[in-house]
PDB file of N, CA and C in Angstrom:
ATOM      1  N   UNK A   1      -5.207  24.745 -18.956  1.00  0.00           N
ATOM      2  CA  UNK A   1      -5.925  24.099 -17.880  1.00  0.00           C
ATOM      3  C   UNK A   1      -5.824  22.588 -18.071  1.00  0.00           C
ATOM      4  N   UNK A   2      -5.647  21.869 -17.002  1.00  0.00           N
ATOM      5  CA  UNK A   2      -5.548  20.416 -17.099  1.00  0.00           C
ATOM      6  C   UNK A   2      -6.703  19.766 -16.352  1.00  0.00           C
ATOM      7  N   UNK A   3      -6.922  18.496 -16.659  1.00  0.00           N
ATOM      8  CA  UNK A   3      -7.981  17.716 -16.022  1.00  0.00           C
ATOM      9  C   UNK A   3      -7.371  16.458 -15.440  1.00  0.00           C
ATOM     10  N   UNK A   4      -7.960  15.954 -14.364  1.00  0.00           N
ATOM     11  CA  UNK A   4      -7.509  14.705 -13.768  1.00  0.00           C
ATOM     12  C   UNK A   4      -8.445  13.583 -14.198  1.00  0.00           C
ATOM     13  N   UNK A   5      -7.857  12.465 -14.561  1.00  0.00           N
ATOM     14  CA  UNK A   5      -8.620  11.293 -14.956  1.00  0.00           C
ATOM     15  C   UNK A   5      -8.215  10.137 -14.050  1.00  0.00           C
ATOM     16  N   UNK A   6      -9.167   9.292 -13.695  1.00  0.00           N
ATOM     17  CA  UNK A   6      -8.888   8.118 -12.873  1.00  0.00           C
ATOM     18  C   UNK A   6      -8.710   6.912 -13.793  1.00  0.00           C
ATOM     19  N   UNK A   7      -7.568   6.247 -13.661  1.00  0.00           N
ATOM     20  CA  UNK A   7      -7.276   5.059 -14.458  1.00  0.00           C
ATOM     21  C   UNK A   7      -7.284   3.834 -13.538  1.00  0.00           C
ATOM     22  N   UNK A   8      -7.970   2.755 -13.906  1.00  0.00           N
ATOM     23  CA  UNK A   8      -8.053   1.590 -13.020  1.00  0.00           C
ATOM     24  C   UNK A   8      -6.695   0.914 -12.828  1.00  0.00           C
ATOM     25  N   UNK A   9      -6.433   0.532 -11.576  1.00  0.00           N
ATOM     26  CA  UNK A   9      -5.198  -0.175 -11.227  1.00  0.00           C
ATOM     27  C   UNK A   9      -5.527  -1.609 -10.830  1.00  0.00           C
ATOM     28  N   UNK A  10      -6.387  -1.774  -9.810  1.00  0.00           N
ATOM     29  CA  UNK A  10      -6.718  -3.108  -9.308  1.00  0.00           C
ATOM     30  C   UNK A  10      -7.914  -3.010  -8.373  1.00  0.00           C
ATOM     31  N   UNK A  11      -8.572  -4.120  -8.172  1.00  0.00           N
ATOM     32  CA  UNK A  11      -9.597  -4.196  -7.140  1.00  0.00           C
ATOM     33  C   UNK A  11      -8.904  -4.177  -5.789  1.00  0.00           C
ATOM     34  N   UNK A  12      -9.553  -3.613  -4.790  1.00  0.00           N
ATOM     35  CA  UNK A  12      -9.003  -3.610  -3.439  1.00  0.00           C
ATOM     36  C   UNK A  12      -8.814  -5.073  -3.015  1.00  0.00           C
ATOM     37  N   UNK A  13      -7.634  -5.407  -2.519  1.00  0.00           N
ATOM     38  CA  UNK A  13      -7.323  -6.767  -2.089  1.00  0.00           C
ATOM     39  C   UNK A  13      -6.813  -7.683  -3.188  1.00  0.00           C
ATOM     40  N   UNK A  14      -6.761  -7.199  -4.420  1.00  0.00           N
ATOM     41  CA  UNK A  14      -6.335  -8.029  -5.548  1.00  0.00           C
ATOM     42  C   UNK A  14      -4.828  -8.291  -5.575  1.00  0.00           C
ATOM     43  N   UNK A  15      -4.032  -7.323  -5.119  1.00  0.00           N
ATOM     44  CA  UNK A  15      -2.569  -7.474  -5.164  1.00  0.00           C
ATOM     45  C   UNK A  15      -2.115  -8.071  -3.829  1.00  0.00           C
ATOM     46  N   UNK A  16      -1.567  -9.288  -3.842  1.00  0.00           N
ATOM     47  CA  UNK A  16      -1.110  -9.901  -2.593  1.00  0.00           C
ATOM     48  C   UNK A  16       0.031  -9.106  -1.956  1.00  0.00           C
ATOM     49  N   UNK A  17       0.161  -9.215  -0.650  1.00  0.00           N
ATOM     50  CA  UNK A  17       1.216  -8.518   0.079  1.00  0.00           C
ATOM     51  C   UNK A  17       2.587  -8.895  -0.484  1.00  0.00           C
ATOM     52  N   UNK A  18       3.416  -7.872  -0.698  1.00  0.00           N
ATOM     53  CA  UNK A  18       4.755  -8.090  -1.221  1.00  0.00           C
ATOM     54  C   UNK A  18       4.811  -8.390  -2.706  1.00  0.00           C
ATOM     55  N   UNK A  19       3.711  -8.201  -3.413  1.00  0.00           N
ATOM     56  CA  UNK A  19       3.647  -8.489  -4.852  1.00  0.00           C
ATOM     57  C   UNK A  19       3.311  -7.224  -5.631  1.00  0.00           C
ATOM     58  N   UNK A  20       3.335  -7.338  -6.949  1.00  0.00           N
ATOM     59  CA  UNK A  20       3.093  -6.187  -7.815  1.00  0.00           C
ATOM     60  C   UNK A  20       2.026  -6.492  -8.851  1.00  0.00           C
ATOM     61  N   UNK A  21       1.562  -5.433  -9.476  1.00  0.00           N
ATOM     62  CA  UNK A  21       0.673  -5.541 -10.630  1.00  0.00           C
ATOM     63  C   UNK A  21       0.991  -4.383 -11.557  1.00  0.00           C
ATOM     64  N   UNK A  22       1.115  -4.684 -12.845  1.00  0.00           N
ATOM     65  CA  UNK A  22       1.333  -3.644 -13.851  1.00  0.00           C
ATOM     66  C   UNK A  22      -0.007  -3.120 -14.340  1.00  0.00           C
ATOM     67  N   UNK A  23      -0.012  -1.865 -14.787  1.00  0.00           N
ATOM     68  CA  UNK A  23      -1.235  -1.259 -15.314  1.00  0.00           C
ATOM     69  C   UNK A  23      -0.861  -0.158 -16.301  1.00  0.00           C
ATOM     70  N   UNK A  24      -1.813   0.173 -17.165  1.00  0.00           N
ATOM     71  CA  UNK A  24      -1.594   1.256 -18.126  1.00  0.00           C
ATOM     72  C   UNK A  24      -1.714   2.593 -17.405  1.00  0.00           C
ATOM     73  N   UNK A  25      -0.793   3.490 -17.701  1.00  0.00           N
ATOM     74  CA  UNK A  25      -0.795   4.827 -17.123  1.00  0.00           C
ATOM     75  C   UNK A  25      -0.569   5.809 -18.260  1.00  0.00           C
ATOM     76  N   UNK A  26      -1.643   6.183 -18.926  1.00  0.00           N
ATOM     77  CA  UNK A  26      -1.529   7.014 -20.119  1.00  0.00           C
ATOM     78  C   UNK A  26      -0.811   6.226 -21.192  1.00  0.00           C
ATOM     79  N   UNK A  27       0.260   6.817 -21.740  1.00  0.00           N
ATOM     80  CA  UNK A  27       1.056   6.123 -22.758  1.00  0.00           C
ATOM     81  C   UNK A  27       2.178   5.300 -22.145  1.00  0.00           C
ATOM     82  N   UNK A  28       2.237   5.262 -20.824  1.00  0.00           N
ATOM     83  CA  UNK A  28       3.282   4.528 -20.117  1.00  0.00           C
ATOM     84  C   UNK A  28       2.672   3.363 -19.341  1.00  0.00           C
ATOM     85  N   UNK A  29       3.537   2.643 -18.666  1.00  0.00           N
ATOM     86  CA  UNK A  29       3.110   1.580 -17.767  1.00  0.00           C
ATOM     87  C   UNK A  29       3.324   2.063 -16.337  1.00  0.00           C
ATOM     88  N   UNK A  30       2.465   1.605 -15.459  1.00  0.00           N
ATOM     89  CA  UNK A  30       2.638   1.832 -14.038  1.00  0.00           C
ATOM     90  C   UNK A  30       2.884   0.495 -13.371  1.00  0.00           C
ATOM     91  N   UNK A  31       3.461   0.533 -12.178  1.00  0.00           N
ATOM     92  CA  UNK A  31       3.643  -0.678 -11.394  1.00  0.00           C
ATOM     93  C   UNK A  31       3.177  -0.380  -9.974  1.00  0.00           C
ATOM     94  N   UNK A  32       2.257  -1.213  -9.485  1.00  0.00           N
ATOM     95  CA  UNK A  32       1.722  -1.061  -8.132  1.00  0.00           C
ATOM     96  C   UNK A  32       2.319  -2.146  -7.246  1.00  0.00           C
ATOM     97  N   UNK A  33       2.610  -1.803  -6.006  1.00  0.00           N
ATOM     98  CA  UNK A  33       3.248  -2.711  -5.053  1.00  0.00           C
ATOM     99  C   UNK A  33       2.471  -2.692  -3.743  1.00  0.00           C
ATOM    100  N   UNK A  34       2.200  -3.869  -3.185  1.00  0.00           N
ATOM    101  CA  UNK A  34       1.505  -3.978  -1.904  1.00  0.00           C
ATOM    102  C   UNK A  34       2.533  -4.027  -0.787  1.00  0.00           C
ATOM    103  N   UNK A  35       2.643  -2.934  -0.036  1.00  0.00           N
ATOM    104  CA  UNK A  35       3.567  -2.808   1.090  1.00  0.00           C
ATOM    105  C   UNK A  35       2.783  -2.978   2.385  1.00  0.00           C
ATOM    106  N   UNK A  36       2.662  -4.231   2.847  1.00  0.00           N
ATOM    107  CA  UNK A  36       1.923  -4.538   4.081  1.00  0.00           C
ATOM    108  C   UNK A  36       0.513  -3.959   4.061  1.00  0.00           C
ATOM    109  N   UNK A  37      -0.174  -4.112   2.947  1.00  0.00           N
ATOM    110  CA  UNK A  37      -1.554  -3.658   2.830  1.00  0.00           C
ATOM    111  C   UNK A  37      -1.718  -2.262   2.262  1.00  0.00           C
ATOM    112  N   UNK A  38      -0.639  -1.520   2.147  1.00  0.00           N
ATOM    113  CA  UNK A  38      -0.688  -0.185   1.544  1.00  0.00           C
ATOM    114  C   UNK A  38      -0.178  -0.290   0.106  1.00  0.00           C
ATOM    115  N   UNK A  39      -1.012   0.109  -0.843  1.00  0.00           N
ATOM    116  CA  UNK A  39      -0.624   0.028  -2.246  1.00  0.00           C
ATOM    117  C   UNK A  39       0.122   1.296  -2.633  1.00  0.00           C
ATOM    118  N   UNK A  40       1.297   1.101  -3.205  1.00  0.00           N
ATOM    119  CA  UNK A  40       2.123   2.203  -3.693  1.00  0.00           C
ATOM    120  C   UNK A  40       2.306   1.990  -5.184  1.00  0.00           C
ATOM    121  N   UNK A  41       2.358   3.066  -5.940  1.00  0.00           N
ATOM    122  CA  UNK A  41       2.468   2.934  -7.391  1.00  0.00           C
ATOM    123  C   UNK A  41       3.476   3.933  -7.940  1.00  0.00           C
ATOM    124  N   UNK A  42       4.114   3.519  -9.033  1.00  0.00           N
ATOM    125  CA  UNK A  42       5.153   4.322  -9.672  1.00  0.00           C
ATOM    126  C   UNK A  42       5.024   4.215 -11.187  1.00  0.00           C
ATOM    127  N   UNK A  43       5.519   5.227 -11.894  1.00  0.00           N
ATOM    128  CA  UNK A  43       5.683   5.114 -13.334  1.00  0.00           C
ATOM    129  C   UNK A  43       6.807   4.099 -13.541  1.00  0.00           C
ATOM    130  N   UNK A  44       6.561   3.090 -14.358  1.00  0.00           N
ATOM    131  CA  UNK A  44       7.531   2.015 -14.554  1.00  0.00           C
ATOM    132  C   UNK A  44       8.564   2.440 -15.600  1.00  0.00           C
ATOM    133  N   UNK A  45       9.512   3.279 -15.137  1.00  0.00           N
ATOM    134  CA  UNK A  45      10.477   3.941 -16.015  1.00  0.00           C
ATOM    135  C   UNK A  45      11.736   4.204 -15.200  1.00  0.00           C
ATOM    136  N   UNK A  46      12.773   3.398 -15.405  1.00  0.00           N
ATOM    137  CA  UNK A  46      14.024   3.539 -14.656  1.00  0.00           C
ATOM    138  C   UNK A  46      14.631   4.924 -14.877  1.00  0.00           C
ATOM    139  N   UNK A  47      15.218   5.476 -13.831  1.00  0.00           N
ATOM    140  CA  UNK A  47      15.800   6.812 -13.911  1.00  0.00           C
ATOM    141  C   UNK A  47      17.129   6.849 -14.657  1.00  0.00           C
ATOM    142  N   UNK A  48      17.650   5.703 -15.031  1.00  0.00           N
ATOM    143  CA  UNK A  48      18.906   5.667 -15.799  1.00  0.00           C
ATOM    144  C   UNK A  48      18.646   5.828 -17.290  1.00  0.00           C
ATOM    145  N   UNK A  49      17.916   4.876 -17.885  1.00  0.00           N
ATOM    146  CA  UNK A  49      17.705   4.924 -19.331  1.00  0.00           C
ATOM    147  C   UNK A  49      16.271   4.598 -19.717  1.00  0.00           C
ATOM    148  N   UNK A  50      15.361   4.621 -18.750  1.00  0.00           N
ATOM    149  CA  UNK A  50      13.949   4.443 -19.054  1.00  0.00           C
ATOM    150  C   UNK A  50      13.471   3.020 -19.182  1.00  0.00           C
ATOM    151  N   UNK A  51      14.287   2.059 -18.786  1.00  0.00           N
ATOM    152  CA  UNK A  51      13.873   0.660 -18.876  1.00  0.00           C
ATOM    153  C   UNK A  51      12.800   0.315 -17.855  1.00  0.00           C
ATOM    154  N   UNK A  52      12.083  -0.783 -18.075  1.00  0.00           N
ATOM    155  CA  UNK A  52      11.061  -1.218 -17.124  1.00  0.00           C
ATOM    156  C   UNK A  52      11.686  -1.906 -15.914  1.00  0.00           C
ATOM    157  N   UNK A  53      11.038  -1.776 -14.770  1.00  0.00           N
ATOM    158  CA  UNK A  53      11.494  -2.453 -13.559  1.00  0.00           C
ATOM    159  C   UNK A  53      10.512  -3.569 -13.211  1.00  0.00           C
ATOM    160  N   UNK A  54      11.021  -4.535 -12.461  1.00  0.00           N
ATOM    161  CA  UNK A  54      10.187  -5.623 -11.986  1.00  0.00           C
ATOM    162  C   UNK A  54      10.683  -6.088 -10.632  1.00  0.00           C
ATOM    163  N   UNK A  55       9.792  -6.671  -9.850  1.00  0.00           N
ATOM    164  CA  UNK A  55      10.135  -7.149  -8.514  1.00  0.00           C
ATOM    165  C   UNK A  55      10.905  -8.458  -8.620  1.00  0.00           C
ATOM    166  N   UNK A  56      12.022  -8.536  -7.923  1.00  0.00           N
ATOM    167  CA  UNK A  56      12.865  -9.730  -7.924  1.00  0.00           C
ATOM    168  C   UNK A  56      12.759 -10.430  -6.567  1.00  0.00           C
ATOM    169  N   UNK A  57      13.224 -11.683  -6.478  1.00  0.00           N
ATOM    170  CA  UNK A  57      13.140 -12.426  -5.212  1.00  0.00           C
ATOM    171  C   UNK A  57      13.814 -11.750  -4.025  1.00  0.00           C
ATOM    172  N   UNK A  58      14.773 -10.846  -4.281  1.00  0.00           N
ATOM    173  CA  UNK A  58      15.431 -10.144  -3.177  1.00  0.00           C
ATOM    174  C   UNK A  58      14.573  -9.016  -2.607  1.00  0.00           C
ATOM    175  N   UNK A  59      13.351  -8.838  -3.157  1.00  0.00           N
ATOM    176  CA  UNK A  59      12.437  -7.823  -2.641  1.00  0.00           C
ATOM    177  C   UNK A  59      12.668  -6.429  -3.194  1.00  0.00           C
ATOM    178  N   UNK A  60      13.510  -6.305  -4.195  1.00  0.00           N
ATOM    179  CA  UNK A  60      13.794  -5.005  -4.803  1.00  0.00           C
ATOM    180  C   UNK A  60      13.268  -4.971  -6.232  1.00  0.00           C
ATOM    181  N   UNK A  61      12.997  -3.751  -6.712  1.00  0.00           N
ATOM    182  CA  UNK A  61      12.733  -3.569  -8.129  1.00  0.00           C
ATOM    183  C   UNK A  61      14.086  -3.552  -8.832  1.00  0.00           C
ATOM    184  N   UNK A  62      14.210  -4.296  -9.930  1.00  0.00           N
ATOM    185  CA  UNK A  62      15.421  -4.296 -10.743  1.00  0.00           C
ATOM    186  C   UNK A  62      15.056  -3.844 -12.145  1.00  0.00           C
ATOM    187  N   UNK A  63      15.854  -2.952 -12.697  1.00  0.00           N
ATOM    188  CA  UNK A  63      15.663  -2.533 -14.086  1.00  0.00           C
ATOM    189  C   UNK A  63      16.004  -3.709 -14.990  1.00  0.00           C
ATOM    190  N   UNK A  64      15.155  -3.977 -15.956  1.00  0.00           N
ATOM    191  CA  UNK A  64      15.359  -5.098 -16.878  1.00  0.00           C
ATOM    192  C   UNK A  64      16.479  -4.832 -17.885  1.00  0.00           C
ATOM    193  N   UNK A  65      16.868  -3.574 -18.065  1.00  0.00           N
ATOM    194  CA  UNK A  65      17.890  -3.249 -19.062  1.00  0.00           C
ATOM    195  C   UNK A  65      19.301  -3.250 -18.482  1.00  0.00           C
ATOM    196  N   UNK A  66      19.523  -2.501 -17.402  1.00  0.00           N
ATOM    197  CA  UNK A  66      20.880  -2.327 -16.890  1.00  0.00           C
ATOM    198  C   UNK A  66      21.004  -2.650 -15.403  1.00  0.00           C
ATOM    199  N   UNK A  67      19.967  -3.230 -14.826  1.00  0.00           N
ATOM    200  CA  UNK A  67      20.010  -3.806 -13.470  1.00  0.00           C
ATOM    201  C   UNK A  67      20.124  -2.802 -12.332  1.00  0.00           C
ATOM    202  N   UNK A  68      19.727  -1.562 -12.542  1.00  0.00           N
ATOM    203  CA  UNK A  68      19.631  -0.624 -11.418  1.00  0.00           C
ATOM    204  C   UNK A  68      18.601  -1.192 -10.443  1.00  0.00           C
ATOM    205  N   UNK A  69      18.746  -0.879  -9.175  1.00  0.00           N
ATOM    206  CA  UNK A  69      17.843  -1.394  -8.143  1.00  0.00           C
ATOM    207  C   UNK A  69      17.140  -0.243  -7.432  1.00  0.00           C
ATOM    208  N   UNK A  70      15.861  -0.482  -7.106  1.00  0.00           N
ATOM    209  CA  UNK A  70      15.025   0.517  -6.430  1.00  0.00           C
ATOM    210  C   UNK A  70      14.254  -0.140  -5.303  1.00  0.00           C
ATOM    211  N   UNK A  71      13.962   0.643  -4.272  1.00  0.00           N
ATOM    212  CA  UNK A  71      13.156   0.177  -3.144  1.00  0.00           C
ATOM    213  C   UNK A  71      11.679   0.269  -3.527  1.00  0.00           C
ATOM    214  N   UNK A  72      10.941  -0.851  -3.532  1.00  0.00           N
ATOM    215  CA  UNK A  72       9.529  -0.796  -3.919  1.00  0.00           C
ATOM    216  C   UNK A  72       8.643  -0.055  -2.906  1.00  0.00           C
ATOM    217  N   UNK A  73       9.148   0.166  -1.699  1.00  0.00           N
ATOM    218  CA  UNK A  73       8.368   0.882  -0.680  1.00  0.00           C
ATOM    219  C   UNK A  73       8.454   2.393  -0.851  1.00  0.00           C
ATOM    220  N   UNK A  74       9.569   2.874  -1.430  1.00  0.00           N
ATOM    221  CA  UNK A  74       9.782   4.318  -1.549  1.00  0.00           C
ATOM    222  C   UNK A  74      10.073   4.770  -2.984  1.00  0.00           C
ATOM    223  N   UNK A  75      10.470   3.835  -3.844  1.00  0.00           N
ATOM    224  CA  UNK A  75      10.869   4.175  -5.201  1.00  0.00           C
ATOM    225  C   UNK A  75      12.298   4.679  -5.301  1.00  0.00           C
ATOM    226  N   UNK A  76      13.011   4.769  -4.159  1.00  0.00           N
ATOM    227  CA  UNK A  76      14.369   5.312  -4.159  1.00  0.00           C
ATOM    228  C   UNK A  76      15.372   4.370  -4.801  1.00  0.00           C
ATOM    229  N   UNK A  77      16.327   4.953  -5.490  1.00  0.00           N
ATOM    230  CA  UNK A  77      17.412   4.191  -6.102  1.00  0.00           C
ATOM    231  C   UNK A  77      18.281   3.614  -4.989  1.00  0.00           C
ATOM    232  N   UNK A  78      18.617   2.331  -5.105  1.00  0.00           N
ATOM    233  CA  UNK A  78      19.444   1.658  -4.109  1.00  0.00           C
ATOM    234  C   UNK A  78      20.838   1.340  -4.635  1.00  0.00           C
ATOM    235  N   UNK A  79      20.937   0.952  -5.901  1.00  0.00           N
ATOM    236  CA  UNK A  79      22.232   0.558  -6.477  1.00  0.00           C
ATOM    237  C   UNK A  79      22.129   0.562  -7.993  1.00  0.00           C
ATOM    238  N   UNK A  80      23.277   0.425  -8.636  1.00  0.00           N
ATOM    239  CA  UNK A  80      23.300   0.288 -10.086  1.00  0.00           C
ATOM    240  C   UNK A  80      23.517   1.592 -10.813  1.00  0.00           C
ATOM    241  N   UNK A  81      23.215   1.580 -12.115  1.00  0.00           N
ATOM    242  CA  UNK A  81      23.546   2.701 -12.982  1.00  0.00           C
ATOM    243  C   UNK A  81      22.610   3.895 -12.871  1.00  0.00           C
ATOM    244  N   UNK A  82      21.479   3.759 -12.220  1.00  0.00           N
ATOM    245  CA  UNK A  82      20.593   4.916 -12.039  1.00  0.00           C
ATOM    246  C   UNK A  82      21.311   5.956 -11.183  1.00  0.00           C
ATOM    247  N   UNK A  83      21.161   7.237 -11.492  1.00  0.00           N
ATOM    248  CA  UNK A  83      21.861   8.276 -10.721  1.00  0.00           C
ATOM    249  C   UNK A  83      21.476   8.251  -9.240  1.00  0.00           C
ATOM    250  N   UNK A  84      22.478   8.435  -8.400  1.00  0.00           N
ATOM    251  CA  UNK A  84      22.240   8.496  -6.960  1.00  0.00           C
ATOM    252  C   UNK A  84      21.282   9.638  -6.658  1.00  0.00           C
ATOM    253  N   UNK A  85      20.407   9.415  -5.679  1.00  0.00           N
ATOM    254  CA  UNK A  85      19.457  10.439  -5.268  1.00  0.00           C
ATOM    255  C   UNK A  85      18.192  10.474  -6.102  1.00  0.00           C
ATOM    256  N   UNK A  86      18.082   9.610  -7.121  1.00  0.00           N
ATOM    257  CA  UNK A  86      16.869   9.592  -7.934  1.00  0.00           C
ATOM    258  C   UNK A  86      15.898   8.553  -7.389  1.00  0.00           C
ATOM    259  N   UNK A  87      14.681   8.643  -7.865  1.00  0.00           N
ATOM    260  CA  UNK A  87      13.668   7.669  -7.469  1.00  0.00           C
ATOM    261  C   UNK A  87      12.646   7.532  -8.586  1.00  0.00           C
ATOM    262  N   UNK A  88      11.940   6.406  -8.558  1.00  0.00           N
ATOM    263  CA  UNK A  88      10.849   6.209  -9.499  1.00  0.00           C
ATOM    264  C   UNK A  88       9.776   7.245  -9.219  1.00  0.00           C
ATOM    265  N   UNK A  89       9.126   7.730 -10.273  1.00  0.00           N
ATOM    266  CA  UNK A  89       8.103   8.761 -10.108  1.00  0.00           C
ATOM    267  C   UNK A  89       6.849   8.138  -9.486  1.00  0.00           C
ATOM    268  N   UNK A  90       6.428   8.653  -8.304  1.00  0.00           N
ATOM    269  CA  UNK A  90       5.233   8.096  -7.665  1.00  0.00           C
ATOM    270  C   UNK A  90       3.956   8.491  -8.397  1.00  0.00           C
ATOM    271  N   UNK A  91       2.961   7.643  -8.297  1.00  0.00           N
ATOM    272  CA  UNK A  91       1.641   7.886  -8.871  1.00  0.00           C
ATOM    273  C   UNK A  91       0.645   7.976  -7.733  1.00  0.00           C
ATOM    274  N   UNK A  92      -0.147   9.021  -7.725  1.00  0.00           N
ATOM    275  CA  UNK A  92      -1.187   9.185  -6.711  1.00  0.00           C
ATOM    276  C   UNK A  92      -2.299   8.163  -6.961  1.00  0.00           C
ATOM    277  N   UNK A  93      -2.694   7.477  -5.892  1.00  0.00           N
ATOM    278  CA  UNK A  93      -3.772   6.499  -5.969  1.00  0.00           C
ATOM    279  C   UNK A  93      -4.950   6.953  -5.128  1.00  0.00           C
ATOM    280  N   UNK A  94      -6.144   6.582  -5.565  1.00  0.00           N
ATOM    281  CA  UNK A  94      -7.347   6.813  -4.781  1.00  0.00           C
ATOM    282  C   UNK A  94      -8.150   5.518  -4.774  1.00  0.00           C
ATOM    283  N   UNK A  95      -8.855   5.295  -3.669  1.00  0.00           N
ATOM    284  CA  UNK A  95      -9.727   4.128  -3.550  1.00  0.00           C
ATOM    285  C   UNK A  95     -11.163   4.601  -3.636  1.00  0.00           C
ATOM    286  N   UNK A  96     -11.929   3.918  -4.466  1.00  0.00           N
ATOM    287  CA  UNK A  96     -13.320   4.303  -4.659  1.00  0.00           C
ATOM    288  C   UNK A  96     -14.152   3.064  -4.988  1.00  0.00           C
ATOM    289  N   UNK A  97     -15.140   2.788  -4.173  1.00  0.00           N
ATOM    290  CA  UNK A  97     -16.079   1.697  -4.405  1.00  0.00           C
ATOM    291  C   UNK A  97     -15.386   0.370  -4.705  1.00  0.00           C
ATOM    292  N   UNK A  98     -14.381   0.021  -3.872  1.00  0.00           N
ATOM    293  CA  UNK A  98     -13.713  -1.263  -4.010  1.00  0.00           C
ATOM    294  C   UNK A  98     -12.660  -1.350  -5.096  1.00  0.00           C
ATOM    295  N   UNK A  99     -12.314  -0.213  -5.698  1.00  0.00           N
ATOM    296  CA  UNK A  99     -11.285  -0.176  -6.752  1.00  0.00           C
ATOM    297  C   UNK A  99     -10.201   0.834  -6.390  1.00  0.00           C
ATOM    298  N   UNK A 100      -8.985   0.528  -6.835  1.00  0.00           N
ATOM    299  CA  UNK A 100      -7.876   1.466  -6.729  1.00  0.00           C
ATOM    300  C   UNK A 100      -7.703   2.101  -8.106  1.00  0.00           C
ATOM    301  N   UNK A 101      -7.573   3.423  -8.113  1.00  0.00           N
ATOM    302  CA  UNK A 101      -7.392   4.170  -9.353  1.00  0.00           C
ATOM    303  C   UNK A 101      -6.121   5.009  -9.273  1.00  0.00           C
ATOM    304  N   UNK A 102      -5.443   5.142 -10.397  1.00  0.00           N
ATOM    305  CA  UNK A 102      -4.298   6.045 -10.525  1.00  0.00           C
ATOM    306  C   UNK A 102      -4.812   7.365 -11.063  1.00  0.00           C
ATOM    307  N   UNK A 103      -4.366   8.447 -10.476  1.00  0.00           N
ATOM    308  CA  UNK A 103      -4.754   9.769 -10.941  1.00  0.00           C
ATOM    309  C   UNK A 103      -3.782  10.194 -12.039  1.00  0.00           C
ATOM    310  N   UNK A 104      -4.350  10.563 -13.192  1.00  0.00           N
ATOM    311  CA  UNK A 104      -3.559  10.908 -14.364  1.00  0.00           C
ATOM    312  C   UNK A 104      -3.965  12.289 -14.841  1.00  0.00           C
ATOM    313  N   UNK A 105      -2.982  13.160 -15.000  1.00  0.00           N
ATOM    314  CA  UNK A 105      -3.258  14.527 -15.429  1.00  0.00           C
ATOM    315  C   UNK A 105      -3.261  14.609 -16.954  1.00  0.00           C
ATOM    316  N   UNK A 106      -4.354  15.124 -17.491  1.00  0.00           N
ATOM    317  CA  UNK A 106      -4.472  15.353 -18.929  1.00  0.00           C
ATOM    318  C   UNK A 106      -4.358  16.853 -19.145  1.00  0.00           C
ATOM    319  N   UNK A 107      -3.342  17.251 -19.872  1.00  0.00           N
ATOM    320  CA  UNK A 107      -3.114  18.676 -20.117  1.00  0.00           C
ATOM    321  C   UNK A 107      -3.776  19.074 -21.417  1.00  0.00           C
ATOM    322  N   UNK A 108      -4.290  20.307 -21.443  1.00  0.00           N
ATOM    323  CA  UNK A 108      -4.829  20.845 -22.688  1.00  0.00           C
ATOM    324  C   UNK A 108      -3.699  20.918 -23.710  1.00  0.00           C
ATOM    325  N   UNK A 109      -4.060  20.748 -24.960  1.00  0.00           N
ATOM    326  CA  UNK A 109      -3.030  20.718 -25.998  1.00  0.00           C
ATOM    327  C   UNK A 109      -2.251  22.021 -26.119  1.00  0.00           C
ATOM    328  N   UNK A 110      -2.800  23.134 -25.631  1.00  0.00           N
ATOM    329  CA  UNK A 110      -2.129  24.414 -25.750  1.00  0.00           C
ATOM    330  C   UNK A 110      -1.421  24.821 -24.470  1.00  0.00           C
ATOM    331  N   UNK A 111      -1.445  23.963 -23.460  1.00  0.00           N
ATOM    332  CA  UNK A 111      -0.789  24.297 -22.204  1.00  0.00           C
ATOM    333  C   UNK A 111       0.702  23.975 -22.295  1.00  0.00           C
ATOM    334  N   UNK A 112       1.549  24.907 -21.860  1.00  0.00           N
ATOM    335  CA  UNK A 112       2.984  24.702 -21.911  1.00  0.00           C
ATOM    336  C   UNK A 112       3.562  24.702 -20.533  1.00  0.00           C
TER     337      UNK A 112
END
């Protein structure tokens, strides 16, 4: 049996439009992106070799290791060494009392 935990991402309105904010997501990092007022979040883990991505001036996420490119609105791979058809893993967000939270699944140690 697993449990869901809410992890803080940002206050509502804290991430400017077209910008990002990093946050802890369990043992990984998450990256949240403001897409015209809608916050989208992904596990910050490139589908090629697991490198971190960051927003560049061209409006795309670029992997810091091998320069794969992803669409921050969808997480889809656009170019580079990441396999075609892959995308960054999305993170479910919830808004509660002026805060955005990432939903994180905690699995029981005996669950396979």
